[in-house]
Protein backbone atom coordinates (compact mmCIF):
# COMPACT_ATOMS: atom_id res chain seq x y z
CA MET A 1 -22.71 14.31 -1.40
CA LEU A 2 -20.48 13.02 -4.19
CA LYS A 3 -21.16 14.11 -7.74
CA GLN A 4 -22.38 11.26 -9.92
CA VAL A 5 -19.74 9.77 -12.25
CA SER A 6 -20.62 10.28 -15.91
CA GLN A 7 -20.38 7.57 -18.56
CA GLU A 8 -17.47 9.51 -20.12
CA GLU A 9 -15.55 9.70 -16.81
CA TYR A 10 -16.23 6.03 -16.17
CA THR A 11 -15.02 5.07 -19.66
CA LYS A 12 -11.78 7.06 -19.25
CA ALA A 13 -11.17 5.43 -15.87
CA VAL A 14 -11.80 1.94 -17.25
CA ILE A 15 -9.35 2.54 -20.11
CA ALA A 16 -6.68 3.82 -17.69
CA ALA A 17 -7.31 0.91 -15.31
CA ILE A 18 -7.02 -1.60 -18.17
CA GLN A 19 -3.64 -0.15 -19.11
CA LEU A 20 -2.51 -0.49 -15.51
CA ALA A 21 -3.98 -4.00 -15.14
CA GLN A 22 -1.99 -5.18 -18.15
CA GLN A 23 1.22 -4.65 -16.13
CA SER A 24 2.55 -7.35 -13.81
CA THR A 25 2.98 -4.97 -10.88
CA SER A 26 1.26 -4.50 -7.53
CA GLY A 27 -0.65 -1.59 -9.05
CA GLY A 28 -1.57 -3.77 -12.00
CA ARG A 29 -2.84 -6.44 -9.62
CA MET A 30 -5.06 -3.93 -7.83
CA ALA A 31 -6.41 -2.48 -11.08
CA ALA A 32 -7.16 -6.02 -12.27
CA GLN A 33 -8.96 -6.83 -9.02
CA ALA A 34 -11.12 -3.73 -9.34
CA LEU A 35 -11.92 -4.25 -13.01
CA LEU A 36 -12.60 -7.96 -12.70
CA SER A 37 -14.75 -7.37 -9.62
CA ALA A 38 -16.76 -4.74 -11.52
CA TYR A 39 -17.03 -7.26 -14.38
CA ASN A 40 -17.86 -10.35 -12.29
CA GLY A 41 -18.10 -9.80 -8.55
CA GLU A 42 -18.88 -13.42 -7.77
CA ASP A 43 -15.60 -14.71 -9.19
CA PHE A 44 -13.33 -11.75 -8.36
CA GLN A 45 -13.49 -9.66 -5.22
CA LEU A 46 -11.62 -6.48 -4.47
CA ASP A 47 -9.25 -6.46 -1.50
CA ILE A 48 -9.98 -2.94 -0.23
CA ALA A 49 -7.06 -2.82 2.23
CA SER A 50 -4.61 -3.50 -0.61
CA LEU A 51 -5.70 -0.36 -2.46
CA SER A 52 -2.97 1.35 -0.44
CA VAL A 53 -0.34 0.02 -2.90
CA LEU A 54 -1.68 2.50 -5.48
CA ASP A 55 -0.37 6.00 -5.91
CA ARG A 56 -2.95 8.78 -5.56
CA ASN A 57 -3.72 9.08 -9.29
CA ASN A 58 -4.27 5.35 -9.75
CA PHE A 59 -6.32 5.20 -6.55
CA GLU A 60 -8.61 7.93 -7.92
CA THR A 61 -8.88 6.03 -11.21
CA ILE A 62 -9.97 2.86 -9.41
CA MET A 63 -12.44 4.79 -7.26
CA THR A 64 -13.93 6.25 -10.45
CA VAL A 65 -14.27 2.73 -11.86
CA ILE A 66 -16.08 1.61 -8.70
CA ARG A 67 -18.34 4.65 -8.58
CA GLY A 68 -18.93 4.55 -12.34
CA ARG A 69 -20.03 0.92 -12.14
CA TYR A 70 -22.49 1.90 -9.40
CA ASP A 71 -23.68 5.20 -10.92
CA THR A 72 -24.14 4.01 -14.51
CA GLY A 73 -25.03 0.36 -13.88
CA THR A 74 -22.86 -0.51 -16.88
CA GLU A 75 -20.43 -3.41 -16.86
CA PRO A 76 -16.94 -2.15 -17.73
CA HIS A 77 -16.35 -4.40 -20.75
CA TYR A 78 -19.19 -2.64 -22.58
CA LEU A 79 -17.30 0.65 -22.47
CA VAL A 80 -14.28 -0.27 -24.59
CA GLU A 81 -13.77 -1.65 -28.06
CA ASN A 82 -13.13 -5.42 -27.92
CA GLY A 83 -14.07 -5.24 -24.24
CA SER A 84 -15.17 -8.87 -23.99
CA GLN A 85 -11.80 -10.07 -25.32
CA ILE A 86 -9.85 -7.61 -23.17
CA PHE A 87 -11.62 -8.79 -20.04
CA ARG A 88 -11.16 -12.48 -20.97
CA ASP A 89 -7.44 -11.76 -21.35
CA LEU A 90 -7.35 -10.00 -17.97
CA TRP A 91 -9.22 -12.95 -16.44
CA ASP A 92 -6.62 -15.37 -17.85
CA HIS A 93 -3.64 -13.21 -16.88
CA TRP A 94 -4.91 -12.60 -13.34
CA GLU A 95 -6.53 -15.99 -12.74
CA ARG A 96 -4.71 -16.15 -9.38
CA LEU A 97 -7.08 -13.39 -8.17
CA HIS A 98 -10.11 -15.64 -8.67
CA VAL A 99 -11.87 -16.38 -5.37
CA VAL A 100 -10.91 -20.06 -5.63
CA GLU A 101 -7.22 -19.14 -5.82
CA ARG A 102 -7.22 -16.35 -3.23
CA GLY A 103 -6.97 -18.68 -0.24
CA LYS A 104 -3.58 -19.90 -1.38
CA ARG A 105 -0.31 -18.35 -0.27
CA GLU A 106 1.55 -15.93 -2.51
CA CYS A 107 4.55 -17.65 -4.09
CA PRO A 108 7.71 -16.61 -2.23
CA THR A 109 9.88 -17.07 -5.32
CA CYS A 110 8.06 -14.61 -7.60
CA ASP A 111 6.19 -12.53 -4.98
CA GLY A 112 2.88 -13.60 -6.48
CA ARG A 113 3.66 -12.32 -9.97
CA GLY A 114 3.90 -15.75 -11.59
CA ARG A 115 7.00 -14.55 -13.40
CA VAL A 116 10.64 -14.13 -12.41
CA TYR A 117 12.59 -11.19 -13.80
CA LYS A 118 16.35 -11.32 -14.30
CA ASP A 119 16.96 -7.57 -14.24
CA ASP A 120 15.25 -4.19 -14.58
CA ASP A 121 15.38 -4.39 -18.39
CA ASP A 122 13.61 -7.76 -18.48
CA ASP A 123 10.06 -6.82 -19.50
CA GLU A 124 8.76 -10.35 -20.11
CA GLY A 125 10.42 -12.39 -17.40
CA GLN A 126 10.21 -16.15 -17.24
CA GLU A 127 7.45 -18.28 -15.79
CA CYS A 128 8.17 -19.00 -12.14
CA SER A 129 9.20 -22.65 -11.78
CA HIS A 130 8.03 -22.81 -8.15
CA CYS A 131 4.37 -21.88 -8.75
CA LYS A 132 4.27 -22.71 -12.50
CA GLY A 133 3.17 -19.16 -13.28
CA LYS A 134 0.12 -19.23 -11.00
CA GLY A 135 1.50 -16.76 -8.42
CA HIS A 136 0.12 -18.85 -5.56
CA VAL A 137 1.13 -22.10 -3.93
CA CYS A 138 -0.59 -24.30 -1.41
CA ARG A 139 0.75 -24.06 2.12
CA CYS A 140 2.55 -27.43 1.73
CA GLN A 141 4.89 -25.87 -0.87
CA MET A 142 6.05 -23.07 1.40
């Protein structure tokens, strides 16, 4: 039997997952899915098979978020300072993960990131002109 996740462990995992989710990477996408699903499971749902994009440490962090949500019954935004604003920002940044958007195809131009990067030193990137920053396109645009 698994040991119950404490509020402290859950909080640390949420903070680490937020830091990851604020990155426009595949790991960031998975962290955002997990956090937003723990925050509002009707609007955001975790794609379990895609957890394999995470390295072992980040996978364990996300599993602690999931177990912490279950074990403590506490929504993740209550665990961090300015949590409501942080989660609204994540919602806006990762809107393409919303269940309404998930049925659309990933944009082939930006690989679903919503941004196009010129080189490795380009931290901001530019909004993808093909998907208009959404990361998804309808099948007719493929």
